[in-house]
């Protein structure tokens, strides 16, 4: 099942306090970038983020889920209505994420 553009727009609005949030469409789903680094994505209308020490701590009650068959597990963000929490989560994860690969 592909994710809806409406859900993507909602998540982007929730993340609008962060500068440099971008996305890329990928086979009906959406990859979310912050400062050029992949932080997570929208998969089947679920906001999933990469597993980092900060995301594990801040989402300690969240469950790891597969975004799609054959992918690495990611953490489900249930609290998408709290903009401040999302801002803190993504900001905390940033330095723990790998730099983008050079093309």
PDB file of N, CA and C in Angstrom:
ATOM      1  N   UNK A   1       0.835  -1.179   0.000  1.00  0.00           N
ATOM      2  CA  UNK A   1       0.000   0.000   0.000  1.00  0.00           C
ATOM      3  C   UNK A   1       0.881   1.245   0.000  1.00  0.00           C
ATOM      4  N   UNK A   2       0.679   2.137  -0.900  1.00  0.00           N
ATOM      5  CA  UNK A   2       1.455   3.368  -0.981  1.00  0.00           C
ATOM      6  C   UNK A   2       0.943   4.381   0.046  1.00  0.00           C
ATOM      7  N   UNK A   3       1.834   5.269   0.438  1.00  0.00           N
ATOM      8  CA  UNK A   3       1.472   6.325   1.384  1.00  0.00           C
ATOM      9  C   UNK A   3       0.755   7.455   0.657  1.00  0.00           C
ATOM     10  N   UNK A   4      -0.100   8.141   1.388  1.00  0.00           N
ATOM     11  CA  UNK A   4      -0.849   9.241   0.790  1.00  0.00           C
ATOM     12  C   UNK A   4      -0.043  10.540   0.848  1.00  0.00           C
ATOM     13  N   UNK A   5      -0.265  11.374  -0.139  1.00  0.00           N
ATOM     14  CA  UNK A   5       0.373  12.686  -0.158  1.00  0.00           C
ATOM     15  C   UNK A   5      -0.127  13.530   1.026  1.00  0.00           C
ATOM     16  N   UNK A   6      -1.363  13.314   1.443  1.00  0.00           N
ATOM     17  CA  UNK A   6      -1.932  14.049   2.565  1.00  0.00           C
ATOM     18  C   UNK A   6      -1.165  13.755   3.857  1.00  0.00           C
ATOM     19  N   UNK A   7      -0.803  12.483   4.072  1.00  0.00           N
ATOM     20  CA  UNK A   7      -0.046  12.140   5.284  1.00  0.00           C
ATOM     21  C   UNK A   7       1.351  12.751   5.218  1.00  0.00           C
ATOM     22  N   UNK A   8       1.986  12.692   4.056  1.00  0.00           N
ATOM     23  CA  UNK A   8       3.285  13.337   3.886  1.00  0.00           C
ATOM     24  C   UNK A   8       3.185  14.823   4.210  1.00  0.00           C
ATOM     25  N   UNK A   9       2.176  15.499   3.654  1.00  0.00           N
ATOM     26  CA  UNK A   9       2.004  16.929   3.904  1.00  0.00           C
ATOM     27  C   UNK A   9       1.805  17.215   5.387  1.00  0.00           C
ATOM     28  N   UNK A  10       1.063  16.343   6.071  1.00  0.00           N
ATOM     29  CA  UNK A  10       0.864  16.503   7.510  1.00  0.00           C
ATOM     30  C   UNK A  10       2.188  16.410   8.264  1.00  0.00           C
ATOM     31  N   UNK A  11       2.986  15.393   7.953  1.00  0.00           N
ATOM     32  CA  UNK A  11       4.284  15.218   8.630  1.00  0.00           C
ATOM     33  C   UNK A  11       5.207  16.393   8.307  1.00  0.00           C
ATOM     34  N   UNK A  12       5.237  16.822   7.059  1.00  0.00           N
ATOM     35  CA  UNK A  12       6.076  17.975   6.705  1.00  0.00           C
ATOM     36  C   UNK A  12       5.642  19.223   7.459  1.00  0.00           C
ATOM     37  N   UNK A  13       4.356  19.408   7.637  1.00  0.00           N
ATOM     38  CA  UNK A  13       3.858  20.546   8.417  1.00  0.00           C
ATOM     39  C   UNK A  13       4.301  20.427   9.877  1.00  0.00           C
ATOM     40  N   UNK A  14       4.238  19.223  10.413  1.00  0.00           N
ATOM     41  CA  UNK A  14       4.661  19.006  11.794  1.00  0.00           C
ATOM     42  C   UNK A  14       6.161  19.278  11.969  1.00  0.00           C
ATOM     43  N   UNK A  15       6.944  19.058  10.920  1.00  0.00           N
ATOM     44  CA  UNK A  15       8.397  19.268  10.969  1.00  0.00           C
ATOM     45  C   UNK A  15       8.803  20.658  10.475  1.00  0.00           C
ATOM     46  N   UNK A  16       7.844  21.523  10.217  1.00  0.00           N
ATOM     47  CA  UNK A  16       8.130  22.811   9.579  1.00  0.00           C
ATOM     48  C   UNK A  16       8.972  23.758  10.426  1.00  0.00           C
ATOM     49  N   UNK A  17       9.107  23.504  11.717  1.00  0.00           N
ATOM     50  CA  UNK A  17       9.957  24.343  12.556  1.00  0.00           C
ATOM     51  C   UNK A  17      11.443  24.042  12.338  1.00  0.00           C
ATOM     52  N   UNK A  18      11.736  22.947  11.675  1.00  0.00           N
ATOM     53  CA  UNK A  18      13.120  22.593  11.349  1.00  0.00           C
ATOM     54  C   UNK A  18      13.462  23.118   9.962  1.00  0.00           C
ATOM     55  N   UNK A  19      14.609  23.777   9.851  1.00  0.00           N
ATOM     56  CA  UNK A  19      15.073  24.209   8.541  1.00  0.00           C
ATOM     57  C   UNK A  19      15.658  23.009   7.804  1.00  0.00           C
ATOM     58  N   UNK A  20      15.587  23.065   6.499  1.00  0.00           N
ATOM     59  CA  UNK A  20      16.273  22.084   5.667  1.00  0.00           C
ATOM     60  C   UNK A  20      15.672  20.680   5.733  1.00  0.00           C
ATOM     61  N   UNK A  21      14.345  20.582   5.890  1.00  0.00           N
ATOM     62  CA  UNK A  21      13.639  19.293   5.762  1.00  0.00           C
ATOM     63  C   UNK A  21      13.244  19.144   4.298  1.00  0.00           C
ATOM     64  N   UNK A  22      13.614  18.024   3.713  1.00  0.00           N
ATOM     65  CA  UNK A  22      13.243  17.741   2.333  1.00  0.00           C
ATOM     66  C   UNK A  22      12.745  16.307   2.258  1.00  0.00           C
ATOM     67  N   UNK A  23      12.208  15.945   1.108  1.00  0.00           N
ATOM     68  CA  UNK A  23      11.744  14.572   0.921  1.00  0.00           C
ATOM     69  C   UNK A  23      11.982  14.157  -0.517  1.00  0.00           C
ATOM     70  N   UNK A  24      11.952  12.856  -0.718  1.00  0.00           N
ATOM     71  CA  UNK A  24      12.049  12.292  -2.055  1.00  0.00           C
ATOM     72  C   UNK A  24      11.050  11.145  -2.165  1.00  0.00           C
ATOM     73  N   UNK A  25      10.318  11.140  -3.245  1.00  0.00           N
ATOM     74  CA  UNK A  25       9.371  10.071  -3.499  1.00  0.00           C
ATOM     75  C   UNK A  25      10.126   8.841  -3.991  1.00  0.00           C
ATOM     76  N   UNK A  26       9.745   7.681  -3.457  1.00  0.00           N
ATOM     77  CA  UNK A  26      10.414   6.446  -3.839  1.00  0.00           C
ATOM     78  C   UNK A  26       9.394   5.318  -3.856  1.00  0.00           C
ATOM     79  N   UNK A  27       8.955   4.935  -5.039  1.00  0.00           N
ATOM     80  CA  UNK A  27       8.047   3.805  -5.221  1.00  0.00           C
ATOM     81  C   UNK A  27       6.795   3.906  -4.356  1.00  0.00           C
ATOM     82  N   UNK A  28       6.158   5.059  -4.350  1.00  0.00           N
ATOM     83  CA  UNK A  28       4.928   5.245  -3.607  1.00  0.00           C
ATOM     84  C   UNK A  28       5.107   5.600  -2.142  1.00  0.00           C
ATOM     85  N   UNK A  29       6.337   5.655  -1.701  1.00  0.00           N
ATOM     86  CA  UNK A  29       6.638   6.023  -0.324  1.00  0.00           C
ATOM     87  C   UNK A  29       7.492   7.295  -0.360  1.00  0.00           C
ATOM     88  N   UNK A  30       7.864   7.821   0.826  1.00  0.00           N
ATOM     89  CA  UNK A  30       8.607   9.076   0.876  1.00  0.00           C
ATOM     90  C   UNK A  30       9.759   8.979   1.866  1.00  0.00           C
ATOM     91  N   UNK A  31      10.949   9.338   1.416  1.00  0.00           N
ATOM     92  CA  UNK A  31      12.125   9.385   2.278  1.00  0.00           C
ATOM     93  C   UNK A  31      12.246  10.817   2.790  1.00  0.00           C
ATOM     94  N   UNK A  32      12.462  10.962   4.102  1.00  0.00           N
ATOM     95  CA  UNK A  32      12.573  12.273   4.732  1.00  0.00           C
ATOM     96  C   UNK A  32      14.041  12.552   5.052  1.00  0.00           C
ATOM     97  N   UNK A  33      14.490  13.742   4.653  1.00  0.00           N
ATOM     98  CA  UNK A  33      15.868  14.180   4.884  1.00  0.00           C
ATOM     99  C   UNK A  33      15.877  15.390   5.801  1.00  0.00           C
ATOM    100  N   UNK A  34      16.897  15.476   6.628  1.00  0.00           N
ATOM    101  CA  UNK A  34      17.149  16.675   7.436  1.00  0.00           C
ATOM    102  C   UNK A  34      18.616  17.034   7.262  1.00  0.00           C
ATOM    103  N   UNK A  35      18.858  18.216   6.741  1.00  0.00           N
ATOM    104  CA  UNK A  35      20.234  18.638   6.505  1.00  0.00           C
ATOM    105  C   UNK A  35      20.983  17.717   5.564  1.00  0.00           C
ATOM    106  N   UNK A  36      20.262  17.126   4.627  1.00  0.00           N
ATOM    107  CA  UNK A  36      20.871  16.232   3.652  1.00  0.00           C
ATOM    108  C   UNK A  36      21.034  14.794   4.114  1.00  0.00           C
ATOM    109  N   UNK A  37      20.713  14.516   5.371  1.00  0.00           N
ATOM    110  CA  UNK A  37      20.831  13.157   5.904  1.00  0.00           C
ATOM    111  C   UNK A  37      19.449  12.512   5.980  1.00  0.00           C
ATOM    112  N   UNK A  38      19.393  11.232   5.679  1.00  0.00           N
ATOM    113  CA  UNK A  38      18.124  10.495   5.780  1.00  0.00           C
ATOM    114  C   UNK A  38      17.821  10.256   7.258  1.00  0.00           C
ATOM    115  N   UNK A  39      16.664  10.763   7.711  1.00  0.00           N
ATOM    116  CA  UNK A  39      16.253  10.536   9.094  1.00  0.00           C
ATOM    117  C   UNK A  39      15.185   9.460   9.196  1.00  0.00           C
ATOM    118  N   UNK A  40      14.457   9.245   8.119  1.00  0.00           N
ATOM    119  CA  UNK A  40      13.392   8.254   8.134  1.00  0.00           C
ATOM    120  C   UNK A  40      12.546   8.362   6.894  1.00  0.00           C
ATOM    121  N   UNK A  41      11.268   8.036   7.061  1.00  0.00           N
ATOM    122  CA  UNK A  41      10.394   8.107   5.902  1.00  0.00           C
ATOM    123  C   UNK A  41       8.951   7.815   6.258  1.00  0.00           C
ATOM    124  N   UNK A  42       8.126   7.978   5.250  1.00  0.00           N
ATOM    125  CA  UNK A  42       6.704   7.666   5.350  1.00  0.00           C
ATOM    126  C   UNK A  42       6.499   6.365   4.573  1.00  0.00           C
ATOM    127  N   UNK A  43       6.067   5.344   5.284  1.00  0.00           N
ATOM    128  CA  UNK A  43       5.853   4.024   4.688  1.00  0.00           C
ATOM    129  C   UNK A  43       4.478   3.531   5.117  1.00  0.00           C
ATOM    130  N   UNK A  44       3.603   3.271   4.164  1.00  0.00           N
ATOM    131  CA  UNK A  44       2.232   2.824   4.458  1.00  0.00           C
ATOM    132  C   UNK A  44       1.564   3.758   5.464  1.00  0.00           C
ATOM    133  N   UNK A  45       1.719   5.054   5.241  1.00  0.00           N
ATOM    134  CA  UNK A  45       1.169   6.092   6.122  1.00  0.00           C
ATOM    135  C   UNK A  45       1.608   5.924   7.576  1.00  0.00           C
ATOM    136  N   UNK A  46       2.844   5.521   7.755  1.00  0.00           N
ATOM    137  CA  UNK A  46       3.482   5.458   9.076  1.00  0.00           C
ATOM    138  C   UNK A  46       4.749   6.291   8.995  1.00  0.00           C
ATOM    139  N   UNK A  47       5.034   7.092  10.024  1.00  0.00           N
ATOM    140  CA  UNK A  47       6.281   7.842  10.082  1.00  0.00           C
ATOM    141  C   UNK A  47       7.282   6.996  10.857  1.00  0.00           C
ATOM    142  N   UNK A  48       8.295   6.508  10.154  1.00  0.00           N
ATOM    143  CA  UNK A  48       9.338   5.684  10.745  1.00  0.00           C
ATOM    144  C   UNK A  48      10.663   6.439  10.692  1.00  0.00           C
ATOM    145  N   UNK A  49      11.467   6.311  11.750  1.00  0.00           N
ATOM    146  CA  UNK A  49      12.781   6.954  11.779  1.00  0.00           C
ATOM    147  C   UNK A  49      13.862   5.896  11.974  1.00  0.00           C
ATOM    148  N   UNK A  50      15.072   6.271  11.556  1.00  0.00           N
ATOM    149  CA  UNK A  50      16.201   5.368  11.715  1.00  0.00           C
ATOM    150  C   UNK A  50      16.469   5.126  13.195  1.00  0.00           C
ATOM    151  N   UNK A  51      17.033   3.978  13.480  1.00  0.00           N
ATOM    152  CA  UNK A  51      17.378   3.629  14.851  1.00  0.00           C
ATOM    153  C   UNK A  51      18.759   4.208  15.162  1.00  0.00           C
ATOM    154  N   UNK A  52      18.787   5.120  16.123  1.00  0.00           N
ATOM    155  CA  UNK A  52      20.018   5.732  16.626  1.00  0.00           C
ATOM    156  C   UNK A  52      19.921   5.708  18.148  1.00  0.00           C
ATOM    157  N   UNK A  53      21.023   5.981  18.859  1.00  0.00           N
ATOM    158  CA  UNK A  53      20.912   6.042  20.322  1.00  0.00           C
ATOM    159  C   UNK A  53      19.835   7.038  20.792  1.00  0.00           C
ATOM    160  N   UNK A  54      19.758   8.184  20.157  1.00  0.00           N
ATOM    161  CA  UNK A  54      18.766   9.190  20.558  1.00  0.00           C
ATOM    162  C   UNK A  54      17.347   8.742  20.252  1.00  0.00           C
ATOM    163  N   UNK A  55      17.126   8.180  19.070  1.00  0.00           N
ATOM    164  CA  UNK A  55      15.763   7.754  18.741  1.00  0.00           C
ATOM    165  C   UNK A  55      15.332   6.597  19.641  1.00  0.00           C
ATOM    166  N   UNK A  56      16.245   5.698  19.975  1.00  0.00           N
ATOM    167  CA  UNK A  56      15.896   4.602  20.884  1.00  0.00           C
ATOM    168  C   UNK A  56      15.518   5.136  22.266  1.00  0.00           C
ATOM    169  N   UNK A  57      16.259   6.134  22.733  1.00  0.00           N
ATOM    170  CA  UNK A  57      15.981   6.710  24.049  1.00  0.00           C
ATOM    171  C   UNK A  57      14.661   7.479  24.045  1.00  0.00           C
ATOM    172  N   UNK A  58      14.454   8.306  23.027  1.00  0.00           N
ATOM    173  CA  UNK A  58      13.265   9.155  22.988  1.00  0.00           C
ATOM    174  C   UNK A  58      12.000   8.390  22.608  1.00  0.00           C
ATOM    175  N   UNK A  59      12.179   7.263  21.938  1.00  0.00           N
ATOM    176  CA  UNK A  59      11.047   6.425  21.529  1.00  0.00           C
ATOM    177  C   UNK A  59      11.118   5.065  22.216  1.00  0.00           C
ATOM    178  N   UNK A  60      11.469   5.075  23.498  1.00  0.00           N
ATOM    179  CA  UNK A  60      11.732   3.822  24.212  1.00  0.00           C
ATOM    180  C   UNK A  60      10.555   2.868  24.235  1.00  0.00           C
ATOM    181  N   UNK A  61       9.350   3.367  24.109  1.00  0.00           N
ATOM    182  CA  UNK A  61       8.178   2.492  24.099  1.00  0.00           C
ATOM    183  C   UNK A  61       7.685   2.174  22.691  1.00  0.00           C
ATOM    184  N   UNK A  62       8.433   2.636  21.693  1.00  0.00           N
ATOM    185  CA  UNK A  62       8.050   2.393  20.307  1.00  0.00           C
ATOM    186  C   UNK A  62       8.528   1.016  19.873  1.00  0.00           C
ATOM    187  N   UNK A  63       7.880   0.498  18.868  1.00  0.00           N
ATOM    188  CA  UNK A  63       8.291  -0.808  18.353  1.00  0.00           C
ATOM    189  C   UNK A  63       9.055  -0.629  17.033  1.00  0.00           C
ATOM    190  N   UNK A  64      10.000  -1.507  16.820  1.00  0.00           N
ATOM    191  CA  UNK A  64      10.740  -1.513  15.556  1.00  0.00           C
ATOM    192  C   UNK A  64       9.874  -2.197  14.508  1.00  0.00           C
ATOM    193  N   UNK A  65       9.818  -1.588  13.344  1.00  0.00           N
ATOM    194  CA  UNK A  65       9.014  -2.128  12.253  1.00  0.00           C
ATOM    195  C   UNK A  65       9.810  -2.090  10.960  1.00  0.00           C
ATOM    196  N   UNK A  66       9.420  -2.941  10.038  1.00  0.00           N
ATOM    197  CA  UNK A  66      10.031  -2.932   8.716  1.00  0.00           C
ATOM    198  C   UNK A  66       9.294  -1.933   7.832  1.00  0.00           C
ATOM    199  N   UNK A  67      10.012  -1.020   7.209  1.00  0.00           N
ATOM    200  CA  UNK A  67       9.341  -0.098   6.293  1.00  0.00           C
ATOM    201  C   UNK A  67       8.810  -0.832   5.061  1.00  0.00           C
ATOM    202  N   UNK A  68       9.549  -1.839   4.621  1.00  0.00           N
ATOM    203  CA  UNK A  68       9.159  -2.672   3.487  1.00  0.00           C
ATOM    204  C   UNK A  68       9.981  -3.949   3.562  1.00  0.00           C
ATOM    205  N   UNK A  69       9.563  -4.952   2.847  1.00  0.00           N
ATOM    206  CA  UNK A  69      10.230  -6.259   2.857  1.00  0.00           C
ATOM    207  C   UNK A  69      11.702  -6.124   2.487  1.00  0.00           C
ATOM    208  N   UNK A  70      12.575  -6.672   3.314  1.00  0.00           N
ATOM    209  CA  UNK A  70      14.011  -6.684   3.037  1.00  0.00           C
ATOM    210  C   UNK A  70      14.766  -5.465   3.549  1.00  0.00           C
ATOM    211  N   UNK A  71      14.075  -4.513   4.174  1.00  0.00           N
ATOM    212  CA  UNK A  71      14.725  -3.301   4.689  1.00  0.00           C
ATOM    213  C   UNK A  71      15.157  -3.501   6.141  1.00  0.00           C
ATOM    214  N   UNK A  72      15.988  -2.584   6.622  1.00  0.00           N
ATOM    215  CA  UNK A  72      16.359  -2.581   8.031  1.00  0.00           C
ATOM    216  C   UNK A  72      15.190  -2.048   8.843  1.00  0.00           C
ATOM    217  N   UNK A  73      15.078  -2.543  10.064  1.00  0.00           N
ATOM    218  CA  UNK A  73      14.016  -2.067  10.940  1.00  0.00           C
ATOM    219  C   UNK A  73      14.194  -0.588  11.272  1.00  0.00           C
ATOM    220  N   UNK A  74      13.085   0.076  11.482  1.00  0.00           N
ATOM    221  CA  UNK A  74      13.067   1.479  11.881  1.00  0.00           C
ATOM    222  C   UNK A  74      12.074   1.600  13.038  1.00  0.00           C
ATOM    223  N   UNK A  75      12.117   2.731  13.728  1.00  0.00           N
ATOM    224  CA  UNK A  75      11.214   2.942  14.857  1.00  0.00           C
ATOM    225  C   UNK A  75       9.974   3.715  14.430  1.00  0.00           C
ATOM    226  N   UNK A  76       8.829   3.242  14.864  1.00  0.00           N
ATOM    227  CA  UNK A  76       7.563   3.900  14.579  1.00  0.00           C
ATOM    228  C   UNK A  76       7.398   5.103  15.506  1.00  0.00           C
ATOM    229  N   UNK A  77       7.090   6.252  14.920  1.00  0.00           N
ATOM    230  CA  UNK A  77       6.820   7.456  15.701  1.00  0.00           C
ATOM    231  C   UNK A  77       5.303   7.562  15.848  1.00  0.00           C
ATOM    232  N   UNK A  78       4.816   7.277  17.043  1.00  0.00           N
ATOM    233  CA  UNK A  78       3.377   7.347  17.316  1.00  0.00           C
ATOM    234  C   UNK A  78       2.935   8.769  17.637  1.00  0.00           C
ATOM    235  N   UNK A  79       3.833   9.558  18.199  1.00  0.00           N
ATOM    236  CA  UNK A  79       3.497  10.880  18.716  1.00  0.00           C
ATOM    237  C   UNK A  79       3.681  11.964  17.651  1.00  0.00           C
ATOM    238  N   UNK A  80       3.056  11.800  16.497  1.00  0.00           N
ATOM    239  CA  UNK A  80       3.258  12.743  15.391  1.00  0.00           C
ATOM    240  C   UNK A  80       2.494  14.049  15.579  1.00  0.00           C
ATOM    241  N   UNK A  81       1.630  14.128  16.582  1.00  0.00           N
ATOM    242  CA  UNK A  81       0.873  15.363  16.816  1.00  0.00           C
ATOM    243  C   UNK A  81       1.661  16.396  17.624  1.00  0.00           C
ATOM    244  N   UNK A  82       2.762  15.993  18.226  1.00  0.00           N
ATOM    245  CA  UNK A  82       3.556  16.876  19.084  1.00  0.00           C
ATOM    246  C   UNK A  82       4.744  17.438  18.296  1.00  0.00           C
ATOM    247  N   UNK A  83       4.570  18.648  17.768  1.00  0.00           N
ATOM    248  CA  UNK A  83       5.619  19.275  16.941  1.00  0.00           C
ATOM    249  C   UNK A  83       6.929  19.441  17.694  1.00  0.00           C
ATOM    250  N   UNK A  84       6.856  19.868  18.950  1.00  0.00           N
ATOM    251  CA  UNK A  84       8.079  20.100  19.726  1.00  0.00           C
ATOM    252  C   UNK A  84       8.848  18.798  19.911  1.00  0.00           C
ATOM    253  N   UNK A  85       8.133  17.721  20.202  1.00  0.00           N
ATOM    254  CA  UNK A  85       8.779  16.416  20.345  1.00  0.00           C
ATOM    255  C   UNK A  85       9.468  16.003  19.042  1.00  0.00           C
ATOM    256  N   UNK A  86       8.777  16.170  17.919  1.00  0.00           N
ATOM    257  CA  UNK A  86       9.362  15.796  16.627  1.00  0.00           C
ATOM    258  C   UNK A  86      10.604  16.621  16.329  1.00  0.00           C
ATOM    259  N   UNK A  87      10.550  17.900  16.632  1.00  0.00           N
ATOM    260  CA  UNK A  87      11.711  18.772  16.422  1.00  0.00           C
ATOM    261  C   UNK A  87      12.898  18.293  17.259  1.00  0.00           C
ATOM    262  N   UNK A  88      12.644  17.997  18.522  1.00  0.00           N
ATOM    263  CA  UNK A  88      13.711  17.519  19.412  1.00  0.00           C
ATOM    264  C   UNK A  88      14.251  16.165  18.958  1.00  0.00           C
ATOM    265  N   UNK A  89      13.358  15.275  18.531  1.00  0.00           N
ATOM    266  CA  UNK A  89      13.765  13.946  18.072  1.00  0.00           C
ATOM    267  C   UNK A  89      14.687  14.041  16.860  1.00  0.00           C
ATOM    268  N   UNK A  90      14.259  14.747  15.835  1.00  0.00           N
ATOM    269  CA  UNK A  90      15.044  14.839  14.602  1.00  0.00           C
ATOM    270  C   UNK A  90      16.363  15.566  14.855  1.00  0.00           C
ATOM    271  N   UNK A  91      16.323  16.621  15.659  1.00  0.00           N
ATOM    272  CA  UNK A  91      17.553  17.365  15.986  1.00  0.00           C
ATOM    273  C   UNK A  91      18.540  16.486  16.746  1.00  0.00           C
ATOM    274  N   UNK A  92      18.041  15.699  17.689  1.00  0.00           N
ATOM    275  CA  UNK A  92      18.906  14.820  18.482  1.00  0.00           C
ATOM    276  C   UNK A  92      19.535  13.731  17.616  1.00  0.00           C
ATOM    277  N   UNK A  93      18.818  13.258  16.634  1.00  0.00           N
ATOM    278  CA  UNK A  93      19.314  12.184  15.767  1.00  0.00           C
ATOM    279  C   UNK A  93      20.382  12.657  14.792  1.00  0.00           C
ATOM    280  N   UNK A  94      20.356  13.923  14.416  1.00  0.00           N
ATOM    281  CA  UNK A  94      21.145  14.427  13.298  1.00  0.00           C
ATOM    282  C   UNK A  94      22.627  14.026  13.370  1.00  0.00           C
ATOM    283  N   UNK A  95      23.304  14.289  14.471  1.00  0.00           N
ATOM    284  CA  UNK A  95      24.747  14.002  14.547  1.00  0.00           C
ATOM    285  C   UNK A  95      25.053  12.515  14.618  1.00  0.00           C
ATOM    286  N   UNK A  96      24.058  11.702  14.877  1.00  0.00           N
ATOM    287  CA  UNK A  96      24.250  10.249  14.947  1.00  0.00           C
ATOM    288  C   UNK A  96      24.031   9.565  13.600  1.00  0.00           C
ATOM    289  N   UNK A  97      23.558  10.301  12.649  1.00  0.00           N
ATOM    290  CA  UNK A  97      23.270   9.730  11.319  1.00  0.00           C
ATOM    291  C   UNK A  97      24.501   9.843  10.420  1.00  0.00           C
ATOM    292  N   UNK A  98      24.680   8.893   9.525  1.00  0.00           N
ATOM    293  CA  UNK A  98      25.823   8.965   8.605  1.00  0.00           C
ATOM    294  C   UNK A  98      25.661  10.123   7.609  1.00  0.00           C
ATOM    295  N   UNK A  99      26.793  10.664   7.204  1.00  0.00           N
ATOM    296  CA  UNK A  99      26.768  11.692   6.177  1.00  0.00           C
ATOM    297  C   UNK A  99      26.325  11.071   4.864  1.00  0.00           C
ATOM    298  N   UNK A 100      25.721  11.879   3.995  1.00  0.00           N
ATOM    299  CA  UNK A 100      25.297  11.356   2.685  1.00  0.00           C
ATOM    300  C   UNK A 100      26.497  10.842   1.894  1.00  0.00           C
ATOM    301  N   UNK A 101      26.262   9.801   1.132  1.00  0.00           N
ATOM    302  CA  UNK A 101      27.320   9.251   0.279  1.00  0.00           C
ATOM    303  C   UNK A 101      27.561  10.184  -0.891  1.00  0.00           C
ATOM    304  N   UNK A 102      28.829  10.370  -1.230  1.00  0.00           N
ATOM    305  CA  UNK A 102      29.170  11.218  -2.365  1.00  0.00           C
ATOM    306  C   UNK A 102      28.918  10.466  -3.649  1.00  0.00           C
ATOM    307  N   UNK A 103      28.342  11.174  -4.608  1.00  0.00           N
ATOM    308  CA  UNK A 103      28.021  10.537  -5.894  1.00  0.00           C
ATOM    309  C   UNK A 103      29.179  10.619  -6.845  1.00  0.00           C
TER     310      UNK A 103
END
